[in-house]
Amino acid sequence: MQSRRIGDVQVSAIGLGGMPMSIEGRPDEERSIRTVHAALDAGITLIDTADAYHIGADEVGHNESLIARALASYGGDTSDVLVATKGGHLRPGDGSWTLNSSPDYLKQACEESLKRLGVDAIGLYQHHRPDPRVPYADSIGAIRDLLDAGKIRMAGISNANPEQIREAREILGGRLVSVQNQFSPAFRSSEPELELCTELGIAFLPWSPLGGIQAAGSLGGAFAQVAEKYGVSPQRVCLAWHLAKSPVSIPIPGASRPETITDSSAADTLELTADDLAVLP
């Protein structure tokens, strides 16, 4: 698989999003483990998770623990796999998502993530979402402190606007390596962030790159037409479209079945022509 850069690390051009394996509607653990192993077999070396990917209030970090078990049980070498996790979102157990980006909370959340992942330093730690009750500079300052302390190797942010990207980059002393925002053919409002990341050379990680768990299976229109031309899935075309958007784009489709992530991983071999891109949105 072709590679792209996050900071000073080369990762696969397609990543694996772990969220569907731990939230509502999740599969049994055996299938989730097989899904992670299928991703590794396909050459994927970027896995995205978060401490908030769980259902019950008593299972914080469910997905982080699952990813750690999957990596530990894989028969091959995983030394080049970058696990990216996030802190600052919470799930109280009633189906809602809440926020806590206070510096003290973020630092404690990072410590807990370190334990669940079983590592001395987290490869990529990302501020999950801005908390309106906490000055953004304070939240990113906590991420900077974790970076300086060696608790994390690289720092990223998620769900940020261009102003916040610039602010985070400044607070981190130029060490901001990634921005993870929602972006898909159906959700284009993060185009300015993608353009800014391209300009600054910061990795852009589109989450829900296929339009979300419910929409991914029904991706059609021009994507279906181009897919028919090449004899591949519309989802693979969509991920190839992401790769063609910018050299810093690294889509992280969520998956809970081995077959879907295996199909997604092949998007890097699909070279869309100018004519293809002209008919795609």
C-alpha atoms as a PDB file:
ATOM      1  CA  MET A   1       0.000   0.000   0.000  1.00  0.00           C
ATOM      2  CA  GLN A   2       1.195   3.525  -0.751  1.00  0.00           C
ATOM      3  CA  SER A   3       2.102   5.619   2.264  1.00  0.00           C
ATOM      4  CA  ARG A   4       1.473   9.146   3.459  1.00  0.00           C
ATOM      5  CA  ARG A   5       3.020  11.164   6.248  1.00  0.00           C
ATOM      6  CA  ILE A   6       1.848  12.094   9.733  1.00  0.00           C
ATOM      7  CA  GLY A   7       4.576  14.152  11.336  1.00  0.00           C
ATOM      8  CA  ASP A   8       7.765  12.203  10.793  1.00  0.00           C
ATOM      9  CA  VAL A   9       5.964   8.848  10.472  1.00  0.00           C
ATOM     10  CA  GLN A  10       4.949   7.126   7.251  1.00  0.00           C
ATOM     11  CA  VAL A  11       1.552   5.407   7.470  1.00  0.00           C
ATOM     12  CA  SER A  12      -0.746   3.658   5.035  1.00  0.00           C
ATOM     13  CA  ALA A  13      -2.737   5.983   2.793  1.00  0.00           C
ATOM     14  CA  ILE A  14      -5.948   4.418   4.158  1.00  0.00           C
ATOM     15  CA  GLY A  15      -6.489   4.011   7.896  1.00  0.00           C
ATOM     16  CA  LEU A  16      -8.947   2.038  10.002  1.00  0.00           C
ATOM     17  CA  GLY A  17     -11.530   3.793  12.157  1.00  0.00           C
ATOM     18  CA  GLY A  18     -12.334   1.716  15.216  1.00  0.00           C
ATOM     19  CA  MET A  19     -15.539   3.384  16.421  1.00  0.00           C
ATOM     20  CA  PRO A  20     -18.110   0.969  14.844  1.00  0.00           C
ATOM     21  CA  MET A  21     -16.555  -1.893  16.776  1.00  0.00           C
ATOM     22  CA  SER A  22     -17.432  -0.345  20.158  1.00  0.00           C
ATOM     23  CA  ILE A  23     -20.563   1.813  19.950  1.00  0.00           C
ATOM     24  CA  GLU A  24     -24.237   0.935  19.483  1.00  0.00           C
ATOM     25  CA  GLY A  25     -24.742  -1.937  17.040  1.00  0.00           C
ATOM     26  CA  ARG A  26     -21.238  -3.253  17.564  1.00  0.00           C
ATOM     27  CA  PRO A  27     -20.364  -6.830  16.596  1.00  0.00           C
ATOM     28  CA  ASP A  28     -19.006  -9.482  18.912  1.00  0.00           C
ATOM     29  CA  GLU A  29     -15.360  -9.173  19.851  1.00  0.00           C
ATOM     30  CA  GLU A  30     -14.250 -12.103  17.711  1.00  0.00           C
ATOM     31  CA  ARG A  31     -15.445 -10.385  14.527  1.00  0.00           C
ATOM     32  CA  SER A  32     -13.896  -7.095  15.594  1.00  0.00           C
ATOM     33  CA  ILE A  33     -10.539  -8.779  16.178  1.00  0.00           C
ATOM     34  CA  ARG A  34     -10.755 -10.368  12.737  1.00  0.00           C
ATOM     35  CA  THR A  35     -11.524  -6.941  11.274  1.00  0.00           C
ATOM     36  CA  VAL A  36      -8.397  -5.413  12.794  1.00  0.00           C
ATOM     37  CA  HIS A  37      -6.319  -8.378  11.654  1.00  0.00           C
ATOM     38  CA  ALA A  38      -7.736  -8.062   8.112  1.00  0.00           C
ATOM     39  CA  ALA A  39      -6.704  -4.402   8.097  1.00  0.00           C
ATOM     40  CA  LEU A  40      -3.183  -5.330   9.140  1.00  0.00           C
ATOM     41  CA  ASP A  41      -3.054  -8.100   6.534  1.00  0.00           C
ATOM     42  CA  ALA A  42      -4.013  -5.501   3.902  1.00  0.00           C
ATOM     43  CA  GLY A  43      -1.119  -3.237   4.879  1.00  0.00           C
ATOM     44  CA  ILE A  44      -3.007  -0.697   6.976  1.00  0.00           C
ATOM     45  CA  THR A  45      -0.691   0.865   9.547  1.00  0.00           C
ATOM     46  CA  LEU A  46      -2.927   3.624  10.973  1.00  0.00           C
ATOM     47  CA  ILE A  47      -5.673   2.744  13.452  1.00  0.00           C
ATOM     48  CA  ASP A  48      -7.839   5.488  14.920  1.00  0.00           C
ATOM     49  CA  THR A  49      -9.590   5.066  18.264  1.00  0.00           C
ATOM     50  CA  ALA A  50     -10.737   7.153  21.252  1.00  0.00           C
ATOM     51  CA  ASP A  51     -11.502   6.644  24.922  1.00  0.00           C
ATOM     52  CA  ALA A  52     -15.100   7.711  24.203  1.00  0.00           C
ATOM     53  CA  TYR A  53     -15.789   4.854  21.799  1.00  0.00           C
ATOM     54  CA  HIS A  54     -17.965   2.770  24.094  1.00  0.00           C
ATOM     55  CA  ILE A  55     -21.606   2.413  25.153  1.00  0.00           C
ATOM     56  CA  GLY A  56     -21.943   2.008  28.920  1.00  0.00           C
ATOM     57  CA  ALA A  57     -20.548   4.464  31.439  1.00  0.00           C
ATOM     58  CA  ASP A  58     -18.629   1.588  33.021  1.00  0.00           C
ATOM     59  CA  GLU A  59     -16.681   0.677  29.859  1.00  0.00           C
ATOM     60  CA  VAL A  60     -14.728   3.841  29.057  1.00  0.00           C
ATOM     61  CA  GLY A  61     -11.947   3.012  26.622  1.00  0.00           C
ATOM     62  CA  HIS A  62     -13.669  -0.115  25.256  1.00  0.00           C
ATOM     63  CA  ASN A  63     -12.277   0.465  21.776  1.00  0.00           C
ATOM     64  CA  GLU A  64      -8.763   1.273  22.957  1.00  0.00           C
ATOM     65  CA  SER A  65      -8.661  -1.996  24.911  1.00  0.00           C
ATOM     66  CA  LEU A  66     -10.073  -3.886  21.935  1.00  0.00           C
ATOM     67  CA  ILE A  67      -7.442  -2.472  19.586  1.00  0.00           C
ATOM     68  CA  ALA A  68      -4.692  -3.343  22.068  1.00  0.00           C
ATOM     69  CA  ARG A  69      -5.924  -6.954  22.290  1.00  0.00           C
ATOM     70  CA  ALA A  70      -6.176  -7.212  18.513  1.00  0.00           C
ATOM     71  CA  LEU A  71      -2.612  -5.989  18.023  1.00  0.00           C
ATOM     72  CA  ALA A  72      -1.296  -8.292  20.734  1.00  0.00           C
ATOM     73  CA  SER A  73      -2.963 -11.337  19.169  1.00  0.00           C
ATOM     74  CA  TYR A  74      -1.827 -10.619  15.610  1.00  0.00           C
ATOM     75  CA  GLY A  75       0.706 -13.092  14.317  1.00  0.00           C
ATOM     76  CA  GLY A  76       2.773 -10.592  12.339  1.00  0.00           C
ATOM     77  CA  ASP A  77       4.938  -7.583  13.083  1.00  0.00           C
ATOM     78  CA  THR A  78       2.988  -4.536  14.344  1.00  0.00           C
ATOM     79  CA  SER A  79       5.939  -2.306  15.177  1.00  0.00           C
ATOM     80  CA  ASP A  80       5.103   0.071  12.320  1.00  0.00           C
ATOM     81  CA  VAL A  81       1.426   0.478  13.307  1.00  0.00           C
ATOM     82  CA  LEU A  82       0.497   3.960  14.511  1.00  0.00           C
ATOM     83  CA  VAL A  83      -2.402   3.941  16.971  1.00  0.00           C
ATOM     84  CA  ALA A  84      -4.066   7.336  17.219  1.00  0.00           C
ATOM     85  CA  THR A  85      -6.415   7.988  20.111  1.00  0.00           C
ATOM     86  CA  LYS A  86      -8.327  10.982  21.408  1.00  0.00           C
ATOM     87  CA  GLY A  87      -9.429  12.592  24.666  1.00  0.00           C
ATOM     88  CA  GLY A  88     -11.956  15.244  25.635  1.00  0.00           C
ATOM     89  CA  HIS A  89     -15.239  13.523  24.704  1.00  0.00           C
ATOM     90  CA  LEU A  90     -17.295  11.530  27.203  1.00  0.00           C
ATOM     91  CA  ARG A  91     -20.244   9.147  27.041  1.00  0.00           C
ATOM     92  CA  PRO A  92     -22.220   9.068  30.308  1.00  0.00           C
ATOM     93  CA  GLY A  93     -24.047   5.900  29.282  1.00  0.00           C
ATOM     94  CA  ASP A  94     -27.411   7.312  28.226  1.00  0.00           C
ATOM     95  CA  GLY A  95     -26.511   7.465  24.540  1.00  0.00           C
ATOM     96  CA  SER A  96     -25.368  11.088  24.662  1.00  0.00           C
ATOM     97  CA  TRP A  97     -21.942  12.596  24.017  1.00  0.00           C
ATOM     98  CA  THR A  98     -20.611  15.226  26.421  1.00  0.00           C
ATOM     99  CA  LEU A  99     -17.400  17.246  26.690  1.00  0.00           C
ATOM    100  CA  ASN A 100     -14.609  17.826  29.147  1.00  0.00           C
ATOM    101  CA  SER A 101     -11.476  19.468  27.785  1.00  0.00           C
ATOM    102  CA  SER A 102     -10.118  20.864  31.018  1.00  0.00           C
ATOM    103  CA  PRO A 103      -6.345  20.454  31.210  1.00  0.00           C
ATOM    104  CA  ASP A 104      -6.547  18.255  34.304  1.00  0.00           C
ATOM    105  CA  TYR A 105      -9.080  15.953  32.670  1.00  0.00           C
ATOM    106  CA  LEU A 106      -7.134  15.660  29.412  1.00  0.00           C
ATOM    107  CA  LYS A 107      -3.951  14.754  31.266  1.00  0.00           C
ATOM    108  CA  GLN A 108      -5.749  12.133  33.361  1.00  0.00           C
ATOM    109  CA  ALA A 109      -7.510  10.768  30.261  1.00  0.00           C
ATOM    110  CA  CYS A 110      -4.154  10.393  28.539  1.00  0.00           C
ATOM    111  CA  GLU A 111      -2.780   8.438  31.506  1.00  0.00           C
ATOM    112  CA  GLU A 112      -5.735   6.047  31.330  1.00  0.00           C
ATOM    113  CA  SER A 113      -5.327   5.643  27.568  1.00  0.00           C
ATOM    114  CA  LEU A 114      -1.657   4.800  28.051  1.00  0.00           C
ATOM    115  CA  LYS A 115      -2.641   1.964  30.408  1.00  0.00           C
ATOM    116  CA  ARG A 116      -5.325   0.570  28.113  1.00  0.00           C
ATOM    117  CA  LEU A 117      -3.086   0.667  25.053  1.00  0.00           C
ATOM    118  CA  GLY A 118      -0.203  -0.823  27.027  1.00  0.00           C
ATOM    119  CA  VAL A 119       2.387   1.650  25.762  1.00  0.00           C
ATOM    120  CA  ASP A 120       4.912   4.022  27.301  1.00  0.00           C
ATOM    121  CA  ALA A 121       3.947   6.825  24.904  1.00  0.00           C
ATOM    122  CA  ILE A 122       0.910   7.229  22.671  1.00  0.00           C
ATOM    123  CA  GLY A 123       1.855   7.480  18.999  1.00  0.00           C
ATOM    124  CA  LEU A 124      -0.672  10.192  18.156  1.00  0.00           C
ATOM    125  CA  TYR A 125      -2.889  11.848  20.754  1.00  0.00           C
ATOM    126  CA  GLN A 126      -5.651  14.127  19.530  1.00  0.00           C
ATOM    127  CA  HIS A 127      -7.846  16.671  21.268  1.00  0.00           C
ATOM    128  CA  HIS A 128     -11.263  15.215  20.445  1.00  0.00           C
ATOM    129  CA  ARG A 129     -13.553  18.238  20.281  1.00  0.00           C
ATOM    130  CA  PRO A 130     -13.496  21.869  21.507  1.00  0.00           C
ATOM    131  CA  ASP A 131     -15.264  22.382  24.826  1.00  0.00           C
ATOM    132  CA  PRO A 132     -17.067  25.760  24.951  1.00  0.00           C
ATOM    133  CA  ARG A 133     -16.586  25.885  28.734  1.00  0.00           C
ATOM    134  CA  VAL A 134     -12.786  25.718  28.452  1.00  0.00           C
ATOM    135  CA  PRO A 135     -10.549  28.217  26.610  1.00  0.00           C
ATOM    136  CA  TYR A 136      -9.166  26.412  23.570  1.00  0.00           C
ATOM    137  CA  ALA A 137      -5.653  27.574  24.414  1.00  0.00           C
ATOM    138  CA  ASP A 138      -5.884  25.864  27.806  1.00  0.00           C
ATOM    139  CA  SER A 139      -6.944  22.546  26.248  1.00  0.00           C
ATOM    140  CA  ILE A 140      -4.190  22.625  23.645  1.00  0.00           C
ATOM    141  CA  GLY A 141      -1.750  23.717  26.330  1.00  0.00           C
ATOM    142  CA  ALA A 142      -2.453  20.417  28.082  1.00  0.00           C
ATOM    143  CA  ILE A 143      -1.701  18.537  24.861  1.00  0.00           C
ATOM    144  CA  ARG A 144       1.560  20.490  24.579  1.00  0.00           C
ATOM    145  CA  ASP A 145       2.462  19.522  28.148  1.00  0.00           C
ATOM    146  CA  LEU A 146       1.827  15.846  27.370  1.00  0.00           C
ATOM    147  CA  LEU A 147       4.057  16.166  24.304  1.00  0.00           C
ATOM    148  CA  ASP A 148       6.816  17.862  26.266  1.00  0.00           C
ATOM    149  CA  ALA A 149       6.592  15.196  28.985  1.00  0.00           C
ATOM    150  CA  GLY A 150       6.991  12.381  26.465  1.00  0.00           C
ATOM    151  CA  LYS A 151       3.573  10.907  27.251  1.00  0.00           C
ATOM    152  CA  ILE A 152       2.665  11.272  23.582  1.00  0.00           C
ATOM    153  CA  ARG A 153       4.912  11.186  20.529  1.00  0.00           C
ATOM    154  CA  MET A 154       2.774  13.372  18.267  1.00  0.00           C
ATOM    155  CA  ALA A 155      -0.130  15.766  18.755  1.00  0.00           C
ATOM    156  CA  GLY A 156      -3.271  16.308  16.707  1.00  0.00           C
ATOM    157  CA  ILE A 157      -6.663  17.978  16.974  1.00  0.00           C
ATOM    158  CA  SER A 158     -10.134  17.006  15.842  1.00  0.00           C
ATOM    159  CA  ASN A 159     -13.309  18.867  14.887  1.00  0.00           C
ATOM    160  CA  ALA A 160     -11.405  22.137  14.557  1.00  0.00           C
ATOM    161  CA  ASN A 161     -11.902  25.196  12.353  1.00  0.00           C
ATOM    162  CA  PRO A 162      -9.114  27.068  10.536  1.00  0.00           C
ATOM    163  CA  GLU A 163      -8.640  29.564  13.359  1.00  0.00           C
ATOM    164  CA  GLN A 164      -8.264  26.746  15.873  1.00  0.00           C
ATOM    165  CA  ILE A 165      -5.831  24.927  13.588  1.00  0.00           C
ATOM    166  CA  ARG A 166      -3.609  27.987  13.453  1.00  0.00           C
ATOM    167  CA  GLU A 167      -3.919  28.559  17.207  1.00  0.00           C
ATOM    168  CA  ALA A 168      -3.098  24.947  18.036  1.00  0.00           C
ATOM    169  CA  ARG A 169      -0.120  24.989  15.684  1.00  0.00           C
ATOM    170  CA  GLU A 170       1.230  28.079  17.438  1.00  0.00           C
ATOM    171  CA  ILE A 171       0.664  26.742  20.967  1.00  0.00           C
ATOM    172  CA  LEU A 172       2.327  23.456  20.036  1.00  0.00           C
ATOM    173  CA  GLY A 173       5.335  25.286  18.652  1.00  0.00           C
ATOM    174  CA  GLY A 174       4.783  24.085  15.100  1.00  0.00           C
ATOM    175  CA  ARG A 175       4.366  20.470  16.222  1.00  0.00           C
ATOM    176  CA  LEU A 176       0.738  19.994  15.153  1.00  0.00           C
ATOM    177  CA  VAL A 177       0.828  16.965  12.860  1.00  0.00           C
ATOM    178  CA  SER A 178      -2.824  16.164  12.122  1.00  0.00           C
ATOM    179  CA  VAL A 179      -6.377  17.461  11.941  1.00  0.00           C
ATOM    180  CA  GLN A 180      -9.270  15.001  12.057  1.00  0.00           C
ATOM    181  CA  ASN A 181     -12.553  16.471  10.804  1.00  0.00           C
ATOM    182  CA  GLN A 182     -15.732  15.090   9.318  1.00  0.00           C
ATOM    183  CA  PHE A 183     -15.483  15.192   5.529  1.00  0.00           C
ATOM    184  CA  SER A 184     -17.226  13.230   2.795  1.00  0.00           C
ATOM    185  CA  PRO A 185     -19.014  13.831  -0.511  1.00  0.00           C
ATOM    186  CA  ALA A 186     -22.142  14.555   1.528  1.00  0.00           C
ATOM    187  CA  PHE A 187     -20.386  16.676   4.173  1.00  0.00           C
ATOM    188  CA  ARG A 188     -18.157  19.283   2.589  1.00  0.00           C
ATOM    189  CA  SER A 189     -18.040  22.045   5.209  1.00  0.00           C
ATOM    190  CA  SER A 190     -14.475  21.055   6.209  1.00  0.00           C
ATOM    191  CA  GLU A 191     -13.107  21.998   2.786  1.00  0.00           C
ATOM    192  CA  PRO A 192     -11.385  25.126   4.235  1.00  0.00           C
ATOM    193  CA  GLU A 193      -9.654  22.981   6.862  1.00  0.00           C
ATOM    194  CA  LEU A 194      -8.487  20.527   4.208  1.00  0.00           C
ATOM    195  CA  GLU A 195      -7.111  23.390   2.127  1.00  0.00           C
ATOM    196  CA  LEU A 196      -5.292  24.868   5.135  1.00  0.00           C
ATOM    197  CA  CYS A 197      -3.787  21.502   6.075  1.00  0.00           C
ATOM    198  CA  THR A 198      -2.623  21.057   2.488  1.00  0.00           C
ATOM    199  CA  GLU A 199      -0.981  24.484   2.601  1.00  0.00           C
ATOM    200  CA  LEU A 200       0.716  23.797   5.953  1.00  0.00           C
ATOM    201  CA  GLY A 201       1.664  20.180   5.250  1.00  0.00           C
ATOM    202  CA  ILE A 202      -0.451  18.846   8.123  1.00  0.00           C
ATOM    203  CA  ALA A 203      -2.124  15.446   7.723  1.00  0.00           C
ATOM    204  CA  PHE A 204      -5.899  15.683   7.283  1.00  0.00           C
ATOM    205  CA  LEU A 205      -7.804  12.636   8.553  1.00  0.00           C
ATOM    206  CA  PRO A 206     -11.397  12.665   7.258  1.00  0.00           C
ATOM    207  CA  TRP A 207     -13.723  10.862   9.652  1.00  0.00           C
ATOM    208  CA  SER A 208     -16.932   9.353   8.263  1.00  0.00           C
ATOM    209  CA  PRO A 209     -15.275   9.583   4.818  1.00  0.00           C
ATOM    210  CA  LEU A 210     -18.067   7.517   3.255  1.00  0.00           C
ATOM    211  CA  GLY A 211     -20.827   9.622   4.805  1.00  0.00           C
ATOM    212  CA  GLY A 212     -21.354   7.757   8.066  1.00  0.00           C
ATOM    213  CA  ILE A 213     -22.269   4.241   9.172  1.00  0.00           C
ATOM    214  CA  GLN A 214     -25.819   4.418   7.794  1.00  0.00           C
ATOM    215  CA  ALA A 215     -24.966   6.123   4.492  1.00  0.00           C
ATOM    216  CA  ALA A 216     -21.804   4.249   3.526  1.00  0.00           C
ATOM    217  CA  GLY A 217     -23.652   1.221   2.190  1.00  0.00           C
ATOM    218  CA  SER A 218     -25.893   3.276  -0.067  1.00  0.00           C
ATOM    219  CA  LEU A 219     -23.233   5.460  -1.685  1.00  0.00           C
ATOM    220  CA  GLY A 220     -24.398   5.864  -5.270  1.00  0.00           C
ATOM    221  CA  GLY A 221     -24.807   8.449  -8.019  1.00  0.00           C
ATOM    222  CA  ALA A 222     -21.603   9.360  -9.787  1.00  0.00           C
ATOM    223  CA  PHE A 223     -19.614   7.137  -7.427  1.00  0.00           C
ATOM    224  CA  ALA A 224     -21.648   4.120  -8.516  1.00  0.00           C
ATOM    225  CA  GLN A 225     -21.133   5.031 -12.176  1.00  0.00           C
ATOM    226  CA  VAL A 226     -17.358   5.284 -11.809  1.00  0.00           C
ATOM    227  CA  ALA A 227     -17.360   2.096  -9.736  1.00  0.00           C
ATOM    228  CA  GLU A 228     -19.133   0.221 -12.519  1.00  0.00           C
ATOM    229  CA  LYS A 229     -16.513   1.452 -14.981  1.00  0.00           C
ATOM    230  CA  TYR A 230     -13.709  -0.137 -12.951  1.00  0.00           C
ATOM    231  CA  GLY A 231     -15.617  -3.097 -11.542  1.00  0.00           C
ATOM    232  CA  VAL A 232     -15.097  -1.996  -7.930  1.00  0.00           C
ATOM    233  CA  SER A 233     -17.312  -0.799  -5.084  1.00  0.00           C
ATOM    234  CA  PRO A 234     -18.583   2.814  -4.852  1.00  0.00           C
ATOM    235  CA  GLN A 235     -16.950   2.930  -1.422  1.00  0.00           C
ATOM    236  CA  ARG A 236     -13.553   2.215  -2.938  1.00  0.00           C
ATOM    237  CA  VAL A 237     -14.100   4.977  -5.476  1.00  0.00           C
ATOM    238  CA  CYS A 238     -15.044   7.381  -2.699  1.00  0.00           C
ATOM    239  CA  LEU A 239     -11.860   6.683  -0.775  1.00  0.00           C
ATOM    240  CA  ALA A 240      -9.804   7.095  -3.956  1.00  0.00           C
ATOM    241  CA  TRP A 241     -11.571  10.449  -4.401  1.00  0.00           C
ATOM    242  CA  HIS A 242     -10.380  11.462  -0.917  1.00  0.00           C
ATOM    243  CA  LEU A 243      -6.806  10.526  -1.804  1.00  0.00           C
ATOM    244  CA  ALA A 244      -7.026  12.568  -4.994  1.00  0.00           C
ATOM    245  CA  LYS A 245      -8.287  15.631  -3.114  1.00  0.00           C
ATOM    246  CA  SER A 246      -4.948  16.303  -1.440  1.00  0.00           C
ATOM    247  CA  PRO A 247      -1.605  14.618  -0.753  1.00  0.00           C
ATOM    248  CA  VAL A 248      -2.197  15.174   2.978  1.00  0.00           C
ATOM    249  CA  SER A 249      -5.579  13.404   3.045  1.00  0.00           C
ATOM    250  CA  ILE A 250      -5.604  10.052   4.893  1.00  0.00           C
ATOM    251  CA  PRO A 251      -9.201   8.798   5.171  1.00  0.00           C
ATOM    252  CA  ILE A 252     -10.045   6.571   8.127  1.00  0.00           C
ATOM    253  CA  PRO A 253     -13.193   4.613   7.221  1.00  0.00           C
ATOM    254  CA  GLY A 254     -14.837   2.906  10.143  1.00  0.00           C
ATOM    255  CA  ALA A 255     -15.302  -0.839   9.813  1.00  0.00           C
ATOM    256  CA  SER A 256     -16.680  -3.732  11.804  1.00  0.00           C
ATOM    257  CA  ARG A 257     -16.333  -6.490   9.179  1.00  0.00           C
ATOM    258  CA  PRO A 258     -13.129  -7.878   7.662  1.00  0.00           C
ATOM    259  CA  GLU A 259     -14.603  -7.709   4.154  1.00  0.00           C
ATOM    260  CA  THR A 260     -15.296  -3.972   4.287  1.00  0.00           C
ATOM    261  CA  ILE A 261     -11.864  -2.892   5.487  1.00  0.00           C
ATOM    262  CA  THR A 262     -10.208  -5.229   2.979  1.00  0.00           C
ATOM    263  CA  ASP A 263     -12.178  -3.551   0.201  1.00  0.00           C
ATOM    264  CA  SER A 264     -11.422  -0.068   1.545  1.00  0.00           C
ATOM    265  CA  SER A 265      -7.708  -0.792   1.766  1.00  0.00           C
ATOM    266  CA  ALA A 266      -7.544  -1.328  -2.005  1.00  0.00           C
ATOM    267  CA  ALA A 267      -8.573   2.269  -2.723  1.00  0.00           C
ATOM    268  CA  ASP A 268      -4.952   3.341  -2.929  1.00  0.00           C
ATOM    269  CA  THR A 269      -4.508   1.225  -6.077  1.00  0.00           C
ATOM    270  CA  LEU A 270      -7.428   2.869  -7.869  1.00  0.00           C
ATOM    271  CA  GLU A 271      -6.146   5.786  -9.933  1.00  0.00           C
ATOM    272  CA  LEU A 272      -9.006   8.052 -10.919  1.00  0.00           C
ATOM    273  CA  THR A 273      -8.628   9.945 -14.174  1.00  0.00           C
ATOM    274  CA  ALA A 274      -9.335  13.623 -14.709  1.00  0.00           C
ATOM    275  CA  ASP A 275     -12.571  12.600 -16.418  1.00  0.00           C
ATOM    276  CA  ASP A 276     -13.550  10.528 -13.386  1.00  0.00           C
ATOM    277  CA  LEU A 277     -12.861  13.384 -10.999  1.00  0.00           C
ATOM    278  CA  ALA A 278     -14.800  15.787 -13.203  1.00  0.00           C
ATOM    279  CA  VAL A 279     -18.032  13.831 -12.730  1.00  0.00           C
ATOM    280  CA  LEU A 280     -17.528  13.257  -9.012  1.00  0.00           C
ATOM    281  CA  PRO A 281     -18.759  15.973  -6.610  1.00  0.00           C
END
